[in-house]
C-alpha atoms as a PDB file:
ATOM      1  CA  UNK A   1      10.348  58.825-167.748  1.00  0.00           C
ATOM      2  CA  UNK A   2       9.680  60.017-164.052  1.00  0.00           C
ATOM      3  CA  UNK A   3       6.056  59.037-162.152  1.00  0.00           C
ATOM      4  CA  UNK A   4       3.382  61.871-162.617  1.00  0.00           C
ATOM      5  CA  UNK A   5       2.811  63.553-159.246  1.00  0.00           C
ATOM      6  CA  UNK A   6       0.196  65.375-160.353  1.00  0.00           C
ATOM      7  CA  UNK A   7      -2.907  64.517-162.935  1.00  0.00           C
ATOM      8  CA  UNK A   8      -5.504  67.151-163.595  1.00  0.00           C
ATOM      9  CA  UNK A   9      -8.327  65.434-166.175  1.00  0.00           C
ATOM     10  CA  UNK A  10     -10.975  67.954-167.728  1.00  0.00           C
ATOM     11  CA  UNK A  11     -10.914  70.223-163.713  1.00  0.00           C
ATOM     12  CA  UNK A  12     -13.821  72.899-164.614  1.00  0.00           C
ATOM     13  CA  UNK A  13     -14.715  74.918-161.770  1.00  0.00           C
ATOM     14  CA  UNK A  14     -17.502  77.311-161.484  1.00  0.00           C
ATOM     15  CA  UNK A  15     -18.891  80.484-159.332  1.00  0.00           C
ATOM     16  CA  UNK A  16     -22.885  81.355-158.758  1.00  0.00           C
ATOM     17  CA  UNK A  17     -23.235  85.021-158.632  1.00  0.00           C
ATOM     18  CA  UNK A  18     -25.989  86.536-156.963  1.00  0.00           C
ATOM     19  CA  UNK A  19     -27.105  89.501-158.309  1.00  0.00           C
ATOM     20  CA  UNK A  20     -27.491  91.963-155.867  1.00  0.00           C
ATOM     21  CA  UNK A  21     -30.871  93.931-155.675  1.00  0.00           C
ATOM     22  CA  UNK A  22     -33.248  96.039-152.621  1.00  0.00           C
ATOM     23  CA  UNK A  23     -35.718  94.396-150.037  1.00  0.00           C
ATOM     24  CA  UNK A  24     -38.180  95.993-151.325  1.00  0.00           C
ATOM     25  CA  UNK A  25     -37.167  94.824-155.204  1.00  0.00           C
ATOM     26  CA  UNK A  26     -37.329  91.625-153.267  1.00  0.00           C
ATOM     27  CA  UNK A  27     -41.006  91.155-152.023  1.00  0.00           C
ATOM     28  CA  UNK A  28     -41.831  91.563-155.736  1.00  0.00           C
ATOM     29  CA  UNK A  29     -39.753  88.628-157.331  1.00  0.00           C
ATOM     30  CA  UNK A  30     -40.209  84.609-156.451  1.00  0.00           C
ATOM     31  CA  UNK A  31     -36.431  84.186-157.451  1.00  0.00           C
ATOM     32  CA  UNK A  32     -33.387  86.021-157.344  1.00  0.00           C
ATOM     33  CA  UNK A  33     -31.658  86.087-160.918  1.00  0.00           C
ATOM     34  CA  UNK A  34     -28.611  84.858-160.573  1.00  0.00           C
ATOM     35  CA  UNK A  35     -25.745  83.714-163.149  1.00  0.00           C
ATOM     36  CA  UNK A  36     -22.752  81.472-163.390  1.00  0.00           C
ATOM     37  CA  UNK A  37     -19.198  82.325-163.433  1.00  0.00           C
ATOM     38  CA  UNK A  38     -16.550  79.906-165.275  1.00  0.00           C
ATOM     39  CA  UNK A  39     -13.749  80.398-163.780  1.00  0.00           C
ATOM     40  CA  UNK A  40     -11.671  77.026-164.887  1.00  0.00           C
ATOM     41  CA  UNK A  41     -12.847  75.501-168.044  1.00  0.00           C
ATOM     42  CA  UNK A  42     -11.940  72.043-169.094  1.00  0.00           C
ATOM     43  CA  UNK A  43      -8.272  71.911-168.410  1.00  0.00           C
ATOM     44  CA  UNK A  44      -6.284  69.034-168.601  1.00  0.00           C
ATOM     45  CA  UNK A  45      -2.772  67.887-167.816  1.00  0.00           C
ATOM     46  CA  UNK A  46       0.138  66.689-165.496  1.00  0.00           C
ATOM     47  CA  UNK A  47       2.934  67.306-163.692  1.00  0.00           C
ATOM     48  CA  UNK A  48       5.880  64.945-163.260  1.00  0.00           C
ATOM     49  CA  UNK A  49       7.656  63.920-160.148  1.00  0.00           C
ATOM     50  CA  UNK A  50      10.445  66.155-159.005  1.00  0.00           C
ATOM     51  CA  UNK A  51       8.661  68.199-162.201  1.00  0.00           C
ATOM     52  CA  UNK A  52       8.763  72.535-162.012  1.00  0.00           C
ATOM     53  CA  UNK A  53       5.738  73.944-163.664  1.00  0.00           C
ATOM     54  CA  UNK A  54       4.357  78.170-163.956  1.00  0.00           C
ATOM     55  CA  UNK A  55       1.454  78.932-164.844  1.00  0.00           C
ATOM     56  CA  UNK A  56       0.996  82.586-166.292  1.00  0.00           C
ATOM     57  CA  UNK A  57      -1.513  85.007-167.245  1.00  0.00           C
ATOM     58  CA  UNK A  58      -3.568  88.093-166.815  1.00  0.00           C
ATOM     59  CA  UNK A  59      -5.338  88.715-164.026  1.00  0.00           C
ATOM     60  CA  UNK A  60      -8.883  87.049-163.625  1.00  0.00           C
ATOM     61  CA  UNK A  61      -7.729  83.581-165.747  1.00  0.00           C
ATOM     62  CA  UNK A  62      -7.800  81.507-163.409  1.00  0.00           C
ATOM     63  CA  UNK A  63      -4.480  80.884-161.701  1.00  0.00           C
ATOM     64  CA  UNK A  64      -5.326  81.002-157.931  1.00  0.00           C
ATOM     65  CA  UNK A  65      -8.765  79.125-158.713  1.00  0.00           C
ATOM     66  CA  UNK A  66      -6.573  76.291-160.410  1.00  0.00           C
ATOM     67  CA  UNK A  67      -3.690  75.998-157.583  1.00  0.00           C
ATOM     68  CA  UNK A  68      -6.612  76.105-154.442  1.00  0.00           C
ATOM     69  CA  UNK A  69      -8.312  74.079-155.861  1.00  0.00           C
ATOM     70  CA  UNK A  70      -5.001  71.294-156.279  1.00  0.00           C
ATOM     71  CA  UNK A  71      -4.906  71.943-152.868  1.00  0.00           C
ATOM     72  CA  UNK A  72      -7.861  70.381-151.543  1.00  0.00           C
ATOM     73  CA  UNK A  73      -9.124  74.572-150.333  1.00  0.00           C
ATOM     74  CA  UNK A  74     -12.307  73.212-152.689  1.00  0.00           C
ATOM     75  CA  UNK A  75     -13.353  70.512-155.023  1.00  0.00           C
ATOM     76  CA  UNK A  76     -13.785  71.024-158.945  1.00  0.00           C
ATOM     77  CA  UNK A  77     -17.576  71.365-160.306  1.00  0.00           C
ATOM     78  CA  UNK A  78     -15.925  68.444-162.641  1.00  0.00           C
ATOM     79  CA  UNK A  79     -13.518  66.843-163.539  1.00  0.00           C
ATOM     80  CA  UNK A  80     -10.370  64.634-161.372  1.00  0.00           C
ATOM     81  CA  UNK A  81      -7.486  66.139-159.402  1.00  0.00           C
ATOM     82  CA  UNK A  82      -4.798  62.868-158.751  1.00  0.00           C
ATOM     83  CA  UNK A  83      -2.253  64.029-156.284  1.00  0.00           C
ATOM     84  CA  UNK A  84      -1.449  59.982-156.043  1.00  0.00           C
ATOM     85  CA  UNK A  85      -0.681  59.790-153.012  1.00  0.00           C
ATOM     86  CA  UNK A  86       1.464  62.443-152.063  1.00  0.00           C
ATOM     87  CA  UNK A  87       1.666  65.739-149.420  1.00  0.00           C
ATOM     88  CA  UNK A  88       0.648  69.042-150.341  1.00  0.00           C
ATOM     89  CA  UNK A  89       1.461  72.280-149.123  1.00  0.00           C
ATOM     90  CA  UNK A  90      -0.049  76.057-150.693  1.00  0.00           C
ATOM     91  CA  UNK A  91       2.331  79.143-149.730  1.00  0.00           C
ATOM     92  CA  UNK A  92      -0.512  82.196-150.583  1.00  0.00           C
ATOM     93  CA  UNK A  93      -1.692  85.223-149.692  1.00  0.00           C
ATOM     94  CA  UNK A  94      -4.762  85.080-147.169  1.00  0.00           C
ATOM     95  CA  UNK A  95      -5.338  80.949-146.945  1.00  0.00           C
ATOM     96  CA  UNK A  96      -5.256  78.970-144.164  1.00  0.00           C
ATOM     97  CA  UNK A  97      -4.350  81.196-141.341  1.00  0.00           C
ATOM     98  CA  UNK A  98      -7.058  82.874-138.764  1.00  0.00           C
ATOM     99  CA  UNK A  99      -7.004  86.758-138.462  1.00  0.00           C
ATOM    100  CA  UNK A 100      -7.966  86.695-135.176  1.00  0.00           C
ATOM    101  CA  UNK A 101      -4.483  84.016-133.732  1.00  0.00           C
ATOM    102  CA  UNK A 102      -0.967  85.152-133.708  1.00  0.00           C
ATOM    103  CA  UNK A 103       1.731  84.770-136.286  1.00  0.00           C
ATOM    104  CA  UNK A 104       2.987  81.901-133.841  1.00  0.00           C
ATOM    105  CA  UNK A 105      -0.529  80.377-132.671  1.00  0.00           C
ATOM    106  CA  UNK A 106      -0.927  80.070-136.660  1.00  0.00           C
ATOM    107  CA  UNK A 107       2.182  78.548-137.746  1.00  0.00           C
ATOM    108  CA  UNK A 108       0.967  75.673-135.458  1.00  0.00           C
ATOM    109  CA  UNK A 109      -2.639  75.423-137.150  1.00  0.00           C
ATOM    110  CA  UNK A 110      -0.530  75.510-140.538  1.00  0.00           C
ATOM    111  CA  UNK A 111       1.877  72.931-139.553  1.00  0.00           C
ATOM    112  CA  UNK A 112      -1.167  70.457-138.187  1.00  0.00           C
ATOM    113  CA  UNK A 113      -3.274  71.710-141.624  1.00  0.00           C
ATOM    114  CA  UNK A 114      -0.184  70.492-144.022  1.00  0.00           C
ATOM    115  CA  UNK A 115       0.262  67.034-141.275  1.00  0.00           C
ATOM    116  CA  UNK A 116       2.554  67.337-138.843  1.00  0.00           C
ATOM    117  CA  UNK A 117       2.594  66.518-136.002  1.00  0.00           C
ATOM    118  CA  UNK A 118       2.591  69.053-132.878  1.00  0.00           C
ATOM    119  CA  UNK A 119       6.153  68.424-131.793  1.00  0.00           C
ATOM    120  CA  UNK A 120       6.907  68.184-135.428  1.00  0.00           C
ATOM    121  CA  UNK A 121       6.282  71.862-135.681  1.00  0.00           C
ATOM    122  CA  UNK A 122       7.679  72.801-132.131  1.00  0.00           C
ATOM    123  CA  UNK A 123      11.065  71.337-133.531  1.00  0.00           C
ATOM    124  CA  UNK A 124      11.200  73.805-136.165  1.00  0.00           C
ATOM    125  CA  UNK A 125       8.986  76.757-135.501  1.00  0.00           C
ATOM    126  CA  UNK A 126      12.023  78.936-134.471  1.00  0.00           C
ATOM    127  CA  UNK A 127      13.484  78.070-137.856  1.00  0.00           C
ATOM    128  CA  UNK A 128      10.353  79.468-139.102  1.00  0.00           C
ATOM    129  CA  UNK A 129       9.854  82.660-137.211  1.00  0.00           C
ATOM    130  CA  UNK A 130      13.922  83.447-138.093  1.00  0.00           C
ATOM    131  CA  UNK A 131      13.572  83.005-141.547  1.00  0.00           C
ATOM    132  CA  UNK A 132      10.231  84.611-141.436  1.00  0.00           C
ATOM    133  CA  UNK A 133      12.049  88.056-140.065  1.00  0.00           C
ATOM    134  CA  UNK A 134       8.734  89.812-138.735  1.00  0.00           C
ATOM    135  CA  UNK A 135       9.727  90.825-135.687  1.00  0.00           C
ATOM    136  CA  UNK A 136       7.259  91.161-132.345  1.00  0.00           C
ATOM    137  CA  UNK A 137       4.055  91.064-134.601  1.00  0.00           C
ATOM    138  CA  UNK A 138       4.810  87.215-134.589  1.00  0.00           C
ATOM    139  CA  UNK A 139       2.980  87.281-131.029  1.00  0.00           C
ATOM    140  CA  UNK A 140       0.266  89.977-132.713  1.00  0.00           C
ATOM    141  CA  UNK A 141      -2.797  88.752-134.503  1.00  0.00           C
ATOM    142  CA  UNK A 142      -2.423  88.176-137.794  1.00  0.00           C
ATOM    143  CA  UNK A 143      -5.020  90.899-139.003  1.00  0.00           C
ATOM    144  CA  UNK A 144      -2.359  93.612-137.719  1.00  0.00           C
ATOM    145  CA  UNK A 145       0.483  92.592-140.336  1.00  0.00           C
ATOM    146  CA  UNK A 146       0.557  94.295-143.496  1.00  0.00           C
ATOM    147  CA  UNK A 147       0.734  92.413-146.752  1.00  0.00           C
ATOM    148  CA  UNK A 148       4.653  91.948-146.626  1.00  0.00           C
ATOM    149  CA  UNK A 149       4.769  89.874-143.141  1.00  0.00           C
ATOM    150  CA  UNK A 150       1.982  87.808-143.967  1.00  0.00           C
ATOM    151  CA  UNK A 151       4.230  86.844-146.706  1.00  0.00           C
ATOM    152  CA  UNK A 152       6.716  86.564-145.003  1.00  0.00           C
ATOM    153  CA  UNK A 153       5.066  84.350-142.832  1.00  0.00           C
ATOM    154  CA  UNK A 154       3.105  82.196-144.937  1.00  0.00           C
ATOM    155  CA  UNK A 155       6.578  81.487-147.119  1.00  0.00           C
ATOM    156  CA  UNK A 156       8.383  80.753-143.999  1.00  0.00           C
ATOM    157  CA  UNK A 157       5.858  78.600-143.044  1.00  0.00           C
ATOM    158  CA  UNK A 158       5.839  76.421-146.319  1.00  0.00           C
ATOM    159  CA  UNK A 159       9.444  76.552-146.293  1.00  0.00           C
ATOM    160  CA  UNK A 160      10.498  75.070-143.577  1.00  0.00           C
ATOM    161  CA  UNK A 161       7.794  72.589-143.435  1.00  0.00           C
ATOM    162  CA  UNK A 162       8.186  70.791-146.582  1.00  0.00           C
ATOM    163  CA  UNK A 163       6.054  68.290-148.214  1.00  0.00           C
ATOM    164  CA  UNK A 164       6.181  66.430-151.723  1.00  0.00           C
ATOM    165  CA  UNK A 165       4.197  68.466-153.508  1.00  0.00           C
ATOM    166  CA  UNK A 166       4.346  73.096-152.869  1.00  0.00           C
ATOM    167  CA  UNK A 167       1.793  75.326-154.713  1.00  0.00           C
ATOM    168  CA  UNK A 168       3.337  78.990-154.925  1.00  0.00           C
ATOM    169  CA  UNK A 169       0.747  81.628-155.737  1.00  0.00           C
ATOM    170  CA  UNK A 170       2.564  84.851-155.943  1.00  0.00           C
ATOM    171  CA  UNK A 171       4.521  84.710-152.620  1.00  0.00           C
ATOM    172  CA  UNK A 172       7.383  85.235-154.233  1.00  0.00           C
ATOM    173  CA  UNK A 173       6.952  88.671-155.807  1.00  0.00           C
ATOM    174  CA  UNK A 174       5.851  90.208-152.297  1.00  0.00           C
ATOM    175  CA  UNK A 175       7.803  91.557-149.625  1.00  0.00           C
ATOM    176  CA  UNK A 176      11.197  93.906-149.782  1.00  0.00           C
ATOM    177  CA  UNK A 177      13.709  93.712-151.894  1.00  0.00           C
ATOM    178  CA  UNK A 178      15.954  91.203-149.307  1.00  0.00           C
ATOM    179  CA  UNK A 179      13.545  88.946-148.419  1.00  0.00           C
ATOM    180  CA  UNK A 180      12.123  88.177-151.808  1.00  0.00           C
ATOM    181  CA  UNK A 181      15.970  87.555-152.682  1.00  0.00           C
ATOM    182  CA  UNK A 182      16.504  85.061-149.416  1.00  0.00           C
ATOM    183  CA  UNK A 183      13.132  83.294-149.942  1.00  0.00           C
ATOM    184  CA  UNK A 184      14.065  82.969-154.137  1.00  0.00           C
ATOM    185  CA  UNK A 185      17.368  81.680-152.620  1.00  0.00           C
ATOM    186  CA  UNK A 186      15.213  79.209-150.442  1.00  0.00           C
ATOM    187  CA  UNK A 187      12.556  78.309-153.726  1.00  0.00           C
ATOM    188  CA  UNK A 188      15.514  76.843-155.244  1.00  0.00           C
ATOM    189  CA  UNK A 189      17.289  75.044-152.490  1.00  0.00           C
ATOM    190  CA  UNK A 190      13.699  73.790-152.089  1.00  0.00           C
ATOM    191  CA  UNK A 191      13.149  72.450-155.711  1.00  0.00           C
ATOM    192  CA  UNK A 192      16.469  71.105-156.273  1.00  0.00           C
ATOM    193  CA  UNK A 193      15.004  67.895-154.744  1.00  0.00           C
ATOM    194  CA  UNK A 194      14.246  65.470-157.305  1.00  0.00           C
ATOM    195  CA  UNK A 195      11.440  64.156-155.861  1.00  0.00           C
ATOM    196  CA  UNK A 196       9.397  67.789-154.877  1.00  0.00           C
ATOM    197  CA  UNK A 197       7.311  68.569-157.210  1.00  0.00           C
ATOM    198  CA  UNK A 198       7.009  72.446-157.948  1.00  0.00           C
ATOM    199  CA  UNK A 199       3.579  74.590-159.483  1.00  0.00           C
ATOM    200  CA  UNK A 200       4.341  78.150-159.178  1.00  0.00           C
ATOM    201  CA  UNK A 201       1.870  81.152-160.276  1.00  0.00           C
ATOM    202  CA  UNK A 202       3.330  84.304-160.921  1.00  0.00           C
ATOM    203  CA  UNK A 203       3.043  87.119-163.020  1.00  0.00           C
ATOM    204  CA  UNK A 204       7.127  88.085-162.647  1.00  0.00           C
ATOM    205  CA  UNK A 205       8.453  86.358-165.767  1.00  0.00           C
ATOM    206  CA  UNK A 206      11.643  86.938-164.502  1.00  0.00           C
ATOM    207  CA  UNK A 207      10.846  84.624-161.896  1.00  0.00           C
ATOM    208  CA  UNK A 208       9.208  81.752-164.272  1.00  0.00           C
ATOM    209  CA  UNK A 209      12.001  81.445-166.249  1.00  0.00           C
ATOM    210  CA  UNK A 210      14.687  81.308-163.923  1.00  0.00           C
ATOM    211  CA  UNK A 211      12.612  77.997-161.887  1.00  0.00           C
ATOM    212  CA  UNK A 212      10.485  76.787-163.959  1.00  0.00           C
ATOM    213  CA  UNK A 213      11.103  73.783-166.552  1.00  0.00           C
ATOM    214  CA  UNK A 214       7.731  74.115-168.192  1.00  0.00           C
ATOM    215  CA  UNK A 215       4.737  77.081-167.877  1.00  0.00           C
ATOM    216  CA  UNK A 216       0.911  77.042-168.789  1.00  0.00           C
ATOM    217  CA  UNK A 217      -0.913  79.830-169.912  1.00  0.00           C
ATOM    218  CA  UNK A 218      -4.423  80.559-168.767  1.00  0.00           C
ATOM    219  CA  UNK A 219      -6.352  82.418-170.296  1.00  0.00           C
ATOM    220  CA  UNK A 220      -9.857  83.416-169.246  1.00  0.00           C
ATOM    221  CA  UNK A 221     -10.284  80.268-167.144  1.00  0.00           C
ATOM    222  CA  UNK A 222      -9.279  78.014-171.012  1.00  0.00           C
ATOM    223  CA  UNK A 223      -5.239  76.708-170.568  1.00  0.00           C
ATOM    224  CA  UNK A 224      -4.041  78.114-174.338  1.00  0.00           C
ATOM    225  CA  UNK A 225      -0.645  76.688-174.035  1.00  0.00           C
ATOM    226  CA  UNK A 226       1.396  74.329-172.413  1.00  0.00           C
ATOM    227  CA  UNK A 227       5.446  74.144-173.202  1.00  0.00           C
ATOM    228  CA  UNK A 228       8.956  74.507-173.177  1.00  0.00           C
ATOM    229  CA  UNK A 229       9.171  77.885-170.542  1.00  0.00           C
ATOM    230  CA  UNK A 230      10.927  80.209-173.294  1.00  0.00           C
ATOM    231  CA  UNK A 231       8.471  79.416-175.917  1.00  0.00           C
ATOM    232  CA  UNK A 232       5.144  79.832-173.756  1.00  0.00           C
ATOM    233  CA  UNK A 233       6.896  82.686-172.091  1.00  0.00           C
ATOM    234  CA  UNK A 234       7.478  84.222-175.652  1.00  0.00           C
ATOM    235  CA  UNK A 235       3.942  83.423-176.887  1.00  0.00           C
ATOM    236  CA  UNK A 236       2.188  84.990-174.056  1.00  0.00           C
ATOM    237  CA  UNK A 237       4.459  88.572-174.281  1.00  0.00           C
ATOM    238  CA  UNK A 238       3.848  88.297-177.389  1.00  0.00           C
ATOM    239  CA  UNK A 239      -0.121  88.002-177.008  1.00  0.00           C
ATOM    240  CA  UNK A 240      -0.316  90.467-173.968  1.00  0.00           C
ATOM    241  CA  UNK A 241       2.012  93.251-176.020  1.00  0.00           C
ATOM    242  CA  UNK A 242       4.988  92.961-174.522  1.00  0.00           C
END
């Protein structure tokens, strides 16, 4: 039996939502009413080293929130996440990029955040740029990028700067058809390494069927089911009326 690479135990994540009130009304209130939104509720699962887990669920089910917590973007409110000493990288839109820096500068910044030295990043920078295929935009601020270009650069950085654990949030389904095929082929190459552990969040049933050994279904922050890919996806699609 393979060693565990990701161990998530009773993880809950919530946000405090402040209700909007006018300045005038605030004078007559001593306290601002707020409410708690539970994004992830008591989720427990593990992924073996070399395993590929897909996460599926409707929008707002807590998929991206859970993935970002595993990546260390923020800590869960309760429960524990143990990566067993493995290095981790998150491949997602809107994470890790500084909007006023150029794509080239963000490659360096992202690489350093992933734990790579400047020399290691420099050695792979051209490979990242060539794979991303965003042309002269590589030397323009990321805030000028389309979502497709953002996705291409995010995927290229994480794919070329490989870590033990890869967390992939929807970037396989963004961009033009040619890039989607290329990124899917690259992802297959990366996950063929038996030592690399992968979690993929996606709305693409075809992608999950093709890449994942197991799938977890999240619904309103709770784990509804986890198991063999075909079975879980069949139950999910039936539940969603497809």
